[in-house]
Protein backbone atom coordinates (compact mmCIF):
# COMPACT_ATOMS: atom_id res chain seq x y z
CA MET A 1 163.32 44.09 200.60
CA ALA A 2 165.05 45.60 203.62
CA ILE A 3 163.72 48.82 205.11
CA PHE A 4 166.09 51.78 205.49
CA MET A 5 166.14 53.76 208.73
CA ALA A 6 164.89 57.20 207.75
CA THR A 7 167.55 59.39 209.35
CA SER A 8 167.55 63.07 208.45
CA MET A 9 170.69 62.60 206.33
CA GLU A 10 169.22 59.63 204.43
CA ALA A 11 166.03 61.59 203.84
CA LYS A 12 168.06 64.49 202.45
CA ILE A 13 170.06 62.21 200.17
CA LYS A 14 166.84 60.62 198.92
CA GLU A 15 165.38 64.06 198.26
CA ILE A 16 168.44 65.06 196.21
CA LEU A 17 168.19 61.84 194.19
CA ILE A 18 164.46 62.21 193.50
CA ASN A 19 164.43 65.94 192.79
CA GLY A 20 167.67 65.84 190.83
CA SER A 21 166.32 63.04 188.66
CA GLU A 22 163.10 64.97 188.06
CA THR A 23 165.18 67.95 186.94
CA LEU A 24 166.67 65.62 184.33
CA GLY A 25 163.21 64.45 183.23
CA ILE A 26 163.17 61.17 185.17
CA LYS A 27 160.48 60.17 187.66
CA LEU A 28 161.92 57.35 189.74
CA LYS A 29 159.69 54.60 191.14
CA GLU A 30 160.13 53.30 194.68
CA LYS A 31 161.99 50.21 193.46
CA GLN A 32 164.44 52.36 191.52
CA ILE A 33 165.02 54.63 194.53
CA TYR A 34 165.69 51.54 196.63
CA GLN A 35 168.16 50.24 194.02
CA PHE A 36 170.05 53.54 194.09
CA GLN A 37 170.15 53.40 197.89
CA LEU A 38 171.57 49.87 197.83
CA TYR A 39 174.09 50.91 195.18
CA LEU A 40 175.20 53.85 197.30
CA LEU A 41 175.63 51.77 200.45
CA ARG A 42 177.56 49.01 198.70
CA LEU A 43 179.75 51.52 196.86
CA LYS A 44 180.70 53.16 200.15
CA LYS A 45 181.38 49.79 201.80
CA TRP A 46 183.61 48.49 199.00
CA SER A 47 185.46 51.82 198.74
CA HIS A 48 187.01 51.12 202.13
CA HIS A 49 188.91 48.22 200.55
CA ILE A 50 189.40 49.08 196.86
CA ASN A 51 189.67 52.35 194.98
CA LEU A 52 186.23 52.67 193.39
CA THR A 53 185.82 56.45 193.69
CA GLY A 54 187.66 59.42 195.10
CA ILE A 55 184.31 60.97 196.03
CA LYS A 56 183.56 60.15 199.65
CA THR A 57 180.35 61.80 200.86
CA GLU A 58 176.93 60.35 200.06
CA ARG A 59 175.68 63.70 198.81
CA ASP A 60 178.57 64.07 196.36
CA ILE A 61 178.26 60.47 195.16
CA VAL A 62 174.58 61.02 194.35
CA ILE A 63 175.25 64.30 192.55
CA LYS A 64 178.61 63.67 190.86
CA HIS A 65 178.10 60.01 189.99
CA PHE A 66 174.40 59.11 189.94
CA LEU A 67 172.90 62.35 188.62
CA ASP A 68 175.85 63.04 186.33
CA SER A 69 175.34 59.59 184.78
CA LEU A 70 171.64 60.30 184.29
CA THR A 71 172.29 63.48 182.28
CA ILE A 72 172.28 61.39 179.09
CA PHE A 73 169.03 59.57 179.94
CA SER A 74 167.03 61.70 177.48
CA PHE A 75 169.31 60.54 174.63
CA LEU A 76 168.25 56.92 175.05
CA LYS A 77 165.31 54.81 173.90
CA PRO A 78 163.81 51.68 175.50
CA ARG A 79 165.50 48.38 174.59
CA TRP A 80 168.51 50.09 173.06
CA GLU A 81 171.88 48.40 173.47
CA LEU A 82 174.45 50.52 175.30
CA LEU A 83 178.18 49.92 175.67
CA ASP A 84 179.90 51.63 178.62
CA ILE A 85 183.68 51.47 178.22
CA GLY A 86 186.00 51.94 181.17
CA THR A 87 182.98 51.88 183.43
CA GLY A 88 184.90 51.66 186.72
CA ALA A 89 182.31 51.38 189.49
CA GLY A 90 179.52 51.34 186.90
CA PHE A 91 179.20 54.93 185.72
CA PRO A 92 177.27 55.93 183.73
CA GLY A 93 175.92 52.49 182.77
CA ILE A 94 174.35 51.22 185.99
CA PRO A 95 172.47 54.42 186.94
CA LEU A 96 171.10 54.50 183.38
CA LYS A 97 170.07 50.83 183.65
CA ILE A 98 168.28 51.51 186.94
CA ALA A 99 166.41 54.44 185.42
CA LEU A 100 165.67 52.61 182.14
CA PRO A 101 165.32 48.89 183.01
CA SER A 102 164.72 47.78 179.40
CA LEU A 103 168.19 49.02 178.42
CA LYS A 104 170.51 46.24 177.28
CA LEU A 105 173.82 47.05 178.90
CA THR A 106 177.39 45.94 178.31
CA LEU A 107 180.00 47.12 180.81
CA VAL A 108 183.70 46.97 179.95
CA GLU A 109 186.26 47.30 182.73
CA ALA A 110 189.91 46.21 182.80
CA LYS A 111 190.50 45.89 186.56
CA GLN A 112 189.45 42.59 188.12
CA LYS A 113 188.47 44.01 191.53
CA LYS A 114 186.10 46.49 189.89
CA VAL A 115 184.62 43.71 187.75
CA VAL A 116 183.93 41.71 190.93
CA PHE A 117 182.19 44.78 192.37
CA LEU A 118 180.09 45.22 189.23
CA LYS A 119 178.98 41.60 189.36
CA GLU A 120 178.00 42.04 193.00
CA ILE A 121 175.92 45.13 192.12
CA LYS A 122 174.26 43.26 189.26
CA ARG A 123 173.28 40.48 191.68
CA LEU A 124 172.29 42.73 194.55
CA LEU A 125 170.10 45.03 192.45
CA GLU A 126 168.67 42.08 190.49
CA LEU A 127 169.51 43.73 187.17
CA LYS A 128 168.82 41.79 183.97
CA ASP A 129 170.31 42.07 180.47
CA ILE A 130 173.76 43.15 181.66
CA GLU A 131 177.01 41.72 180.34
CA ILE A 132 180.18 42.53 182.25
CA ILE A 133 183.45 42.06 180.35
CA GLN A 134 186.93 42.33 181.82
CA THR A 135 189.16 43.60 179.04
CA HIS A 136 191.02 46.54 177.53
CA LEU A 137 189.92 48.06 174.23
CA PRO A 138 190.46 47.18 171.48
CA SER A 139 189.53 43.62 172.41
CA PRO A 140 188.65 40.39 170.59
CA LEU A 141 186.08 39.79 173.36
CA LEU A 142 183.87 42.41 171.76
CA SER A 143 184.75 41.30 168.26
CA LYS A 144 182.83 43.40 165.74
CA LYS A 145 179.74 43.87 167.90
CA THR A 146 178.10 47.28 167.60
CA PHE A 147 175.67 49.17 169.81
CA ASN A 148 173.01 51.86 169.53
CA VAL A 149 174.97 53.95 172.02
CA VAL A 150 178.59 53.93 173.17
CA VAL A 151 179.69 56.03 176.12
CA GLY A 152 182.75 56.38 178.32
CA ARG A 153 183.13 58.72 181.26
CA ALA A 154 186.62 60.16 181.75
CA VAL A 155 188.14 57.15 179.99
CA ALA A 156 190.87 58.76 177.89
CA PRO A 157 191.78 61.96 176.02
CA LEU A 158 189.08 62.77 173.48
CA THR A 159 190.85 61.61 170.31
CA GLU A 160 191.89 58.33 171.96
CA TYR A 161 188.36 57.79 173.28
CA ILE A 162 186.93 58.31 169.78
CA ARG A 163 189.43 55.81 168.33
CA LEU A 164 188.52 53.13 170.88
CA ALA A 165 184.77 53.67 170.95
CA LEU A 166 183.83 54.39 167.35
CA PRO A 167 184.27 50.85 165.94
CA HIS A 168 181.52 49.71 168.32
CA VAL A 169 178.95 52.34 167.31
CA ALA A 170 176.26 51.00 164.99
CA ASN A 171 175.41 52.80 161.77
CA GLN A 172 173.21 55.78 162.76
CA GLY A 173 174.13 55.05 166.38
CA LEU A 174 175.35 57.55 168.96
CA LEU A 175 178.80 58.13 170.39
CA ILE A 176 178.43 60.20 173.55
CA ILE A 177 181.00 62.60 174.94
CA MET A 178 180.60 63.54 178.62
CA ARG A 179 182.94 66.26 179.83
CA GLY A 180 183.20 68.95 182.44
CA GLY A 181 183.02 72.57 181.37
CA LYS A 182 182.83 73.36 177.67
CA ASN A 183 184.17 71.25 174.83
CA ASN A 184 186.50 72.65 172.20
CA LYS A 185 184.14 73.43 169.32
CA LYS A 186 186.86 73.30 166.69
CA GLU A 187 188.13 69.94 167.96
CA ILE A 188 184.61 68.46 167.80
CA GLU A 189 184.13 69.78 164.25
CA GLN A 190 187.44 68.24 163.15
CA ILE A 191 186.46 64.89 164.68
CA CYS A 192 183.09 64.96 162.90
CA LYS A 193 184.76 65.66 159.57
CA LYS A 194 187.47 63.03 160.02
CA TYR A 195 185.16 60.21 161.12
CA ASP A 196 181.98 61.08 159.20
CA LEU A 197 179.97 62.01 162.29
CA SER A 198 177.35 64.66 162.90
CA ILE A 199 176.32 66.40 166.10
CA ALA A 200 172.91 64.94 166.98
CA ILE A 201 172.52 66.53 170.41
CA GLN A 202 174.58 69.05 172.32
CA LYS A 203 173.69 70.55 175.67
CA SER A 204 175.42 72.54 178.38
CA PHE A 205 174.01 72.71 181.89
CA MET A 206 174.70 72.88 185.61
CA LEU A 207 174.60 69.58 187.45
CA PRO A 208 171.57 69.55 189.79
CA PHE A 209 172.27 70.68 193.37
CA SER A 210 175.70 72.01 192.41
CA ASN A 211 177.53 74.75 190.55
CA ILE A 212 179.34 72.17 188.41
CA LYS A 213 179.28 72.88 184.68
CA ARG A 214 178.75 69.99 182.29
CA GLU A 215 178.52 69.61 178.54
CA VAL A 216 177.26 66.47 176.80
CA ILE A 217 177.48 65.82 173.07
CA ALA A 218 175.94 62.94 171.13
CA LEU A 219 177.65 62.32 167.79
CA LYS A 220 175.73 60.30 165.20
CA LYS A 221 177.65 57.82 163.09
CA LEU A 222 176.66 58.43 159.49
CA LYS A 223 178.10 55.27 157.96
CA SER A 224 179.96 52.11 158.90
């Protein structure tokens, strides 16, 4: 593997990644840190040519993309199957895969250029058990396949997201809502009642190294 020049800025970014991950209950190994560094560099390089992210600085990419993706790490179990819909540049799926290598990951993205980027990241980081599908949901490419966890980050308005994602959640599986600020409690309760879901996990927090408020909710599917 290549060796990174340890500039003061790179050292600071690495410190934010390591300490931020530890705050979220994740102790990264050297290989995982290296994978995140490669991911960051390639994301920045490709962003000069295609619109992968509006976030430009390395510090903000680590905090607002990498660490934000890892906020649902504690919801997952080894060897679970996770579907990330509308993944874009790979968030939250790829950071979760780096942190939990046994995760079986399916990424769904409609835009061809982003799919090409995702395939490049899969190759570059030597990630296994990842399927990358170019499609819109609903899609015959996914057929009736279901997953232990389905997540989408800023994909669509909440009710539309639920409609698209729920058919792919396995019985007793989790549908995860990731949003800024605080979710509308009444809206969540109505969704649970309508779709026979229950709130399995709900947590509000500040994103590490920021004053950004986040709330994450995992809804359990009670029946098919």
